[in-house]
Each structure stands twice: as structure tokens, then as C-alpha cells.
Amino acid sequence: MQDIGHFLNFLKYEKRYSDHTVTAYEKDLDQFILFGSEMVEDFCLEEADHHLIRQWVISLMDQGLTVVTVKRKISTLRSLYKFLLREGLMKKNPTELVMVPKIGKKLPHFVQEEEINKLMDTSFFPGDFTGLRDKAVVSLFYGTGMRLAELKGIRMSDLQLHEKVVKVLGKRNKERLIPFPAETSFDLAAYIRVRNELFGVSNSFLFVTDKGDQTYDKLLYRIVRKYLSLVTTLEKRSPHVLRHSYATHLLNHGADLNAIKELLGHASLAATQVYTHTTFEKLKKIYNQAHPRA
């Protein structure tokens, strides 16, 4: 169709899209035209309405295409009809009334409570400086749900060991106070005692390397991955998995969602609500196991 040729030239020469991208647009439009021709006699793009486009979306989903792919194809149509409107070849854009399917959010990975308890309550961690530090790192990650950058940046002056509270600098340079459990306080005290004996108090950062320098991202990842590998078969075994575990376990034990939002340092409740899906999945599993008619 002549209009499509003008549109593709517009993409290539005015928008400066790559040949690969232009070919992808052309392929999407050819598929839509083929569908329209099968549904409507003497089909033409200018006469397509939102009902036909919705039918196309349904047919694409029925073919097993991913939501991402379907959204891209609808985006191609939207771009075409915006172009035709601007050129005066159409009076309205039929894609404006088409709702595209939402991309489902992946549920966060988390470690089971019994696995965390097994790790922290048994003698996986050696009693030397490295072992005490590693246990304190894992304990604080799980005890507070803080981010890796937040833990790495903690200074000795940020820690109130007796009050069991730590101050962290989060995203957008926002400070917040996070409480931590008594067991984490014990783990930190045991580590700090040896840390100060070896390196004194000259280094202001709480967590240091075996040489007394500030810890770095790769080391903290390695610590968490090493010890989580001992108790879980999860493919992801990162500090962020401990953050997910912290939030999920709090919610499972009845913590208020708004309180979890503040503890995690989320800017909006929407970011925290992903954990309600995780707990709902757990409830569904319990239901399916327990209900006689499930």
C-alpha cells in the first residue's frame, strides 16, 4: 500500500531508524493487513476501526505471542496512524480506544524462613574475622532489608548498637532509621570487637575487608551468594534476595504494608505492593493443599 511506503520512508529518512527497525515495522504492518484482509472484504488501513484492532490483539495472544511482542505490534500501528493523521489521510486514530495487555510483574525471589533460620542458627560461619564479618553482613541485610549501597556506606557513627537502630542513606539521598533484631545486634557486636582489635577505629566504615579497607560491591555479593548457596537452591542468591525475603517474611507475619514501605525506603506504596502478590501465592498454595475441593 502506498501509505505504508510513505510511512516507512518517514521512519528511515526522517526518524533515522535503522534498517532492522524499519523491517520490523514493515513486518508488523504486513501481518495486520493480512489479518484485516481475512476479516474484511476490500480491506484498507484508513477504514480500520478499534474493533478490528482489538480482534487482532486477541488473535495474536491466541497464537501464543508474548505480551511484550503484542505491545510492540500495537505500538507500530499507533505510529502508523499518527503519521496518517498528521498527513491528513485520516480523521481519527483507531488505536486510541485499544487497551494493550499489561506486562505481568515478576514475583520477587525470596529465601524461605526455615532456610534463613538454618543458616543463622548453625555453625556455617567461621569464628575468625572474616567469618564474623560475613555473618554480620548477612544478618544485617536480612535484619533490615537495606540495599547493597546502603549497607556498604554505613559508618560506625550511623550505628546505635544498644538501641538496635541504624541510619542509612537511601535513594535520592534520603536518610532513614531502620531497627534491627537483637540477634543482629549480637552478630554486629562480635564482629566490631574483632574489627577494632585488628584495625582500630581509624576507618569510619562499619564493614571492612581483610586488609581494613571499605568493602566493595563484588565482595558483598560474594559473601551473600556463598552462604545462601549452603541453604537454598534459588538461582538468584544476592543481597536483593535478602531484601525481598525480609519484606515477604514481615508481611507473612502481619506487618502493615505502609510500615514495610517506610522500612524499605520505597518512594511509593506501588513498589511495596509486589510483596502482597508473593504472600497471595503462598495462600493459594496452602489453599490448594488443604481445601478438599481445591
Protein backbone atom coordinates (compact mmCIF):
# COMPACT_ATOMS: atom_id res chain seq x y z
CA MET A 1 0.00 0.00 0.00
CA GLN A 2 1.27 3.46 -0.93
CA ASP A 3 0.59 4.95 2.52
CA ILE A 4 2.79 2.33 4.16
CA GLY A 5 5.60 3.10 1.75
CA HIS A 6 5.46 6.80 2.73
CA PHE A 7 5.39 5.83 6.41
CA LEU A 8 8.42 3.54 6.12
CA ASN A 9 10.34 6.22 4.27
CA PHE A 10 9.43 8.65 7.05
CA LEU A 11 10.87 6.23 9.63
CA LYS A 12 14.02 5.64 7.62
CA TYR A 13 14.90 9.12 6.40
CA GLU A 14 13.30 11.50 8.90
CA LYS A 15 13.30 9.47 12.10
CA ARG A 16 16.62 7.87 11.14
CA TYR A 17 15.54 4.40 12.27
CA SER A 18 17.86 1.52 11.43
CA ASP A 19 17.11 -0.83 8.53
CA HIS A 20 16.45 -3.58 11.06
CA THR A 21 13.83 -1.47 12.89
CA VAL A 22 12.13 -0.37 9.67
CA THR A 23 11.95 -4.01 8.53
CA ALA A 24 10.33 -4.96 11.88
CA TYR A 25 7.72 -2.20 11.42
CA GLU A 26 7.02 -3.38 7.89
CA LYS A 27 6.59 -6.97 9.02
CA ASP A 28 4.12 -5.94 11.77
CA LEU A 29 2.06 -3.91 9.31
CA ASP A 30 2.04 -6.72 6.74
CA GLN A 31 0.66 -9.04 9.42
CA PHE A 32 -2.08 -6.57 10.31
CA ILE A 33 -3.03 -6.07 6.66
CA LEU A 34 -3.19 -9.84 6.14
CA PHE A 35 -5.46 -10.17 9.20
CA GLY A 36 -7.65 -7.27 8.04
CA SER A 37 -7.97 -8.77 4.56
CA GLU A 38 -9.15 -12.05 6.05
CA MET A 39 -11.74 -10.27 8.23
CA VAL A 40 -13.00 -7.53 5.91
CA GLU A 41 -13.70 -7.56 2.17
CA ASP A 42 -11.73 -4.88 0.28
CA PHE A 43 -9.83 -4.01 3.47
CA CYS A 44 -7.88 -0.75 3.63
CA LEU A 45 -5.92 0.75 6.52
CA GLU A 46 -7.85 4.04 6.55
CA GLU A 47 -11.14 2.25 7.31
CA ALA A 48 -9.87 0.00 10.11
CA ASP A 49 -11.58 0.65 13.45
CA HIS A 50 -10.75 -0.19 17.07
CA HIS A 51 -12.97 -3.29 16.99
CA LEU A 52 -10.86 -4.83 14.24
CA ILE A 53 -7.62 -3.92 16.03
CA ARG A 54 -8.90 -5.49 19.25
CA GLN A 55 -9.71 -8.67 17.33
CA TRP A 56 -6.15 -8.65 16.02
CA VAL A 57 -4.78 -8.33 19.57
CA ILE A 58 -6.87 -11.31 20.66
CA SER A 59 -5.71 -13.39 17.69
CA LEU A 60 -2.06 -12.56 18.46
CA MET A 61 -2.49 -13.62 22.08
CA ASP A 62 -4.24 -16.82 20.95
CA GLN A 63 -1.18 -17.60 18.81
CA GLY A 64 0.90 -17.64 21.99
CA LEU A 65 2.82 -14.42 21.36
CA THR A 66 4.26 -12.76 24.45
CA VAL A 67 2.72 -9.58 25.86
CA VAL A 68 5.93 -7.71 25.00
CA THR A 69 5.64 -8.73 21.34
CA VAL A 70 1.95 -7.80 21.14
CA LYS A 71 2.62 -4.40 22.71
CA ARG A 72 5.33 -3.76 20.14
CA LYS A 73 2.99 -4.59 17.25
CA ILE A 74 0.30 -2.26 18.61
CA SER A 75 2.95 0.43 19.02
CA THR A 76 3.75 0.01 15.31
CA LEU A 77 0.09 0.55 14.41
CA ARG A 78 -0.11 3.60 16.67
CA SER A 79 2.91 5.14 14.97
CA LEU A 80 1.40 4.50 11.54
CA TYR A 81 -1.97 6.06 12.38
CA LYS A 82 -0.31 9.10 13.99
CA PHE A 83 1.58 9.56 10.74
CA LEU A 84 -1.59 9.24 8.65
CA LEU A 85 -3.37 11.77 10.88
CA ARG A 86 -0.54 14.24 10.50
CA GLU A 87 -0.61 13.77 6.72
CA GLY A 88 -4.36 14.46 6.67
CA LEU A 89 -5.18 10.96 5.42
CA MET A 90 -7.31 10.08 8.47
CA LYS A 91 -9.61 12.00 10.81
CA LYS A 92 -9.07 9.92 13.95
CA ASN A 93 -6.68 7.34 15.34
CA PRO A 94 -8.45 3.96 15.86
CA THR A 95 -5.71 2.72 18.20
CA GLU A 96 -6.65 5.28 20.87
CA LEU A 97 -9.52 3.06 22.05
CA VAL A 98 -7.42 -0.11 22.12
CA MET A 99 -6.24 -1.33 25.52
CA VAL A 100 -3.00 -3.25 25.30
CA PRO A 101 -2.37 -6.15 27.69
CA LYS A 102 -0.25 -5.37 30.72
CA ILE A 103 3.14 -6.93 31.18
CA GLY A 104 2.97 -9.08 34.28
CA LYS A 105 5.42 -8.25 37.02
CA LYS A 106 7.82 -10.98 38.01
CA LEU A 107 7.37 -12.05 41.60
CA PRO A 108 10.44 -11.37 43.73
CA HIS A 109 12.65 -14.31 44.68
CA PHE A 110 12.96 -14.92 48.40
CA VAL A 111 14.52 -17.42 50.77
CA GLN A 112 12.21 -19.49 52.96
CA GLU A 113 12.17 -18.67 56.68
CA GLU A 114 13.39 -22.12 57.68
CA GLU A 115 16.34 -21.75 55.32
CA ILE A 116 17.32 -18.40 56.85
CA ASN A 117 16.98 -19.87 60.35
CA LYS A 118 19.15 -22.83 59.39
CA LEU A 119 21.84 -20.50 58.04
CA MET A 120 21.91 -18.15 61.02
CA ASP A 121 21.42 -20.71 63.80
CA THR A 122 24.07 -23.26 62.80
CA SER A 123 27.85 -23.08 62.58
CA PHE A 124 28.25 -22.19 58.90
CA PHE A 125 30.27 -19.07 59.72
CA PRO A 126 33.88 -19.48 60.98
CA GLY A 127 34.89 -17.74 64.21
CA ASP A 128 37.70 -15.66 62.68
CA PHE A 129 37.45 -12.04 61.50
CA THR A 130 36.20 -12.99 58.02
CA GLY A 131 33.54 -15.34 59.37
CA LEU A 132 32.32 -12.82 61.96
CA ARG A 133 32.18 -10.08 59.36
CA ASP A 134 30.35 -12.26 56.84
CA LYS A 135 27.77 -13.29 59.43
CA ALA A 136 27.23 -9.67 60.45
CA VAL A 137 26.77 -8.70 56.78
CA VAL A 138 24.17 -11.42 56.11
CA SER A 139 22.47 -10.74 59.45
CA LEU A 140 22.17 -7.01 58.79
CA PHE A 141 20.95 -7.47 55.22
CA TYR A 142 18.19 -9.81 56.38
CA GLY A 143 17.53 -7.93 59.63
CA THR A 144 16.90 -4.60 57.92
CA GLY A 145 16.12 -5.26 54.23
CA MET A 146 18.51 -2.49 53.22
CA ARG A 147 20.05 -2.16 49.79
CA LEU A 148 23.64 -3.13 49.00
CA ALA A 149 24.75 0.50 48.51
CA GLU A 150 23.15 1.43 51.83
CA LEU A 151 24.97 -1.30 53.75
CA LYS A 152 28.29 -0.56 52.09
CA GLY A 153 28.03 3.11 53.06
CA ILE A 154 27.27 2.61 56.76
CA ARG A 155 29.75 4.34 59.06
CA MET A 156 30.42 3.45 62.66
CA SER A 157 28.69 6.67 63.72
CA ASP A 158 25.48 5.54 61.92
CA LEU A 159 25.10 2.52 64.18
CA GLN A 160 23.28 2.66 67.51
CA LEU A 161 24.02 -0.82 68.75
CA HIS A 162 22.27 -0.62 72.12
CA GLU A 163 19.14 0.96 70.62
CA LYS A 164 19.28 -1.58 67.76
CA VAL A 165 18.89 1.11 65.11
CA VAL A 166 20.99 2.01 62.08
CA LYS A 167 20.88 5.15 59.93
CA VAL A 168 21.27 4.66 56.17
CA LEU A 169 21.45 6.96 53.18
CA GLY A 170 19.00 5.67 50.58
CA LYS A 171 17.99 6.65 47.08
CA ARG A 172 17.63 10.37 46.32
CA ASN A 173 19.93 10.96 49.33
CA LYS A 174 17.09 10.33 51.76
CA GLU A 175 18.15 9.24 55.24
CA ARG A 176 16.10 6.78 57.25
CA LEU A 177 16.44 4.90 60.53
CA ILE A 178 15.92 1.14 60.45
CA PRO A 179 15.53 -1.04 63.53
CA PHE A 180 17.16 -4.47 63.62
CA PRO A 181 16.62 -7.56 65.80
CA ALA A 182 18.56 -8.46 68.95
CA GLU A 183 20.36 -11.34 67.21
CA THR A 184 21.71 -8.95 64.60
CA SER A 185 22.93 -6.74 67.44
CA PHE A 186 24.86 -9.70 68.88
CA ASP A 187 26.34 -10.52 65.46
CA LEU A 188 27.42 -6.92 64.95
CA ALA A 189 28.93 -6.63 68.45
CA ALA A 190 31.01 -9.80 67.95
CA TYR A 191 32.28 -8.51 64.59
CA ILE A 192 33.00 -4.96 65.79
CA ARG A 193 35.03 -6.22 68.76
CA VAL A 194 37.45 -8.12 66.49
CA ARG A 195 37.37 -5.40 63.80
CA ASN A 196 38.52 -2.76 66.27
CA GLU A 197 41.22 -5.04 67.70
CA LEU A 198 42.66 -5.58 64.22
CA PHE A 199 42.19 -2.20 62.58
CA GLY A 200 41.34 0.26 65.35
CA VAL A 201 38.68 2.89 64.82
CA SER A 202 40.52 4.96 62.20
CA ASN A 203 38.39 3.56 59.35
CA SER A 204 34.95 5.09 59.80
CA PHE A 205 33.13 2.50 57.66
CA LEU A 206 31.40 -0.28 59.56
CA PHE A 207 32.28 -3.12 57.20
CA VAL A 208 35.87 -3.52 56.05
CA THR A 209 37.90 -6.01 54.05
CA ASP A 210 40.52 -8.36 55.48
CA LYS A 211 43.02 -5.51 54.95
CA GLY A 212 40.90 -2.92 56.74
CA ASP A 213 39.63 -1.08 53.65
CA GLN A 214 36.00 -0.26 52.90
CA THR A 215 34.07 -3.20 51.46
CA TYR A 216 33.04 -3.14 47.80
CA ASP A 217 30.03 -4.40 45.83
CA LYS A 218 31.59 -7.57 44.46
CA LEU A 219 32.78 -8.69 47.90
CA LEU A 220 29.33 -8.20 49.46
CA TYR A 221 27.70 -10.11 46.58
CA ARG A 222 30.22 -12.90 47.02
CA ILE A 223 29.56 -13.15 50.76
CA VAL A 224 25.79 -13.39 50.37
CA ARG A 225 25.96 -15.81 47.44
CA LYS A 226 28.41 -18.09 49.26
CA TYR A 227 26.28 -18.51 52.34
CA LEU A 228 22.86 -18.62 50.71
CA SER A 229 24.22 -21.40 48.49
CA LEU A 230 24.52 -23.54 51.62
CA VAL A 231 20.79 -23.46 52.39
CA THR A 232 18.81 -22.70 49.23
CA THR A 233 18.60 -23.89 45.64
CA LEU A 234 17.41 -20.49 44.38
CA GLU A 235 19.19 -19.45 41.21
CA LYS A 236 19.35 -15.84 42.44
CA ARG A 237 21.29 -15.52 45.69
CA SER A 238 22.06 -11.82 46.04
CA PRO A 239 21.72 -9.10 48.69
CA HIS A 240 18.48 -8.06 46.98
CA VAL A 241 17.07 -11.55 47.55
CA LEU A 242 17.63 -10.99 51.28
CA ARG A 243 15.78 -7.67 50.93
CA HIS A 244 12.88 -9.49 49.25
CA SER A 245 12.98 -12.16 51.96
CA TYR A 246 12.86 -9.52 54.71
CA ALA A 247 9.78 -7.82 53.23
CA THR A 248 7.98 -11.07 52.43
CA HIS A 249 8.53 -12.55 55.89
CA LEU A 250 7.37 -9.33 57.58
CA LEU A 251 4.19 -9.35 55.52
CA ASN A 252 3.61 -13.05 56.21
CA HIS A 253 3.73 -12.26 59.94
CA GLY A 254 1.16 -9.48 59.71
CA ALA A 255 3.27 -6.33 59.30
CA ASP A 256 1.47 -3.30 57.88
CA LEU A 257 2.26 -2.63 54.21
CA ASN A 258 2.83 1.09 54.84
CA ALA A 259 5.31 0.27 57.60
CA ILE A 260 7.21 -2.07 55.24
CA LYS A 261 7.25 0.73 52.66
CA GLU A 262 8.96 3.06 55.14
CA LEU A 263 11.42 0.39 56.28
CA LEU A 264 12.43 -0.39 52.70
CA GLY A 265 12.69 3.27 51.75
CA HIS A 266 10.26 2.99 48.85
CA ALA A 267 9.05 6.28 47.36
CA SER A 268 5.54 4.93 46.74
CA LEU A 269 3.35 2.12 48.02
CA ALA A 270 3.12 0.66 44.50
CA ALA A 271 6.72 -0.58 44.75
CA THR A 272 5.92 -2.39 48.01
CA GLN A 273 2.69 -3.98 46.81
CA VAL A 274 4.58 -6.59 44.78
CA TYR A 275 5.09 -8.46 48.06
CA THR A 276 1.33 -8.87 48.51
CA HIS A 277 1.37 -10.99 45.33
CA THR A 278 4.06 -13.19 46.85
CA THR A 279 2.09 -13.77 50.03
CA PHE A 280 -1.08 -14.35 47.99
CA GLU A 281 0.72 -17.05 46.01
CA LYS A 282 1.62 -18.68 49.33
CA LEU A 283 -2.02 -18.52 50.46
CA LYS A 284 -3.15 -20.08 47.18
CA LYS A 285 -0.67 -22.91 47.65
CA ILE A 286 -1.91 -23.54 51.19
CA TYR A 287 -5.50 -23.44 49.95
CA ASN A 288 -4.82 -25.93 47.15
CA GLN A 289 -3.14 -28.28 49.59
CA ALA A 290 -5.74 -28.01 52.32
CA HIS A 291 -9.18 -27.46 50.76
CA PRO A 292 -10.97 -30.74 49.99
CA ARG A 293 -12.49 -29.33 46.80
CA ALA A 294 -9.38 -27.47 45.59
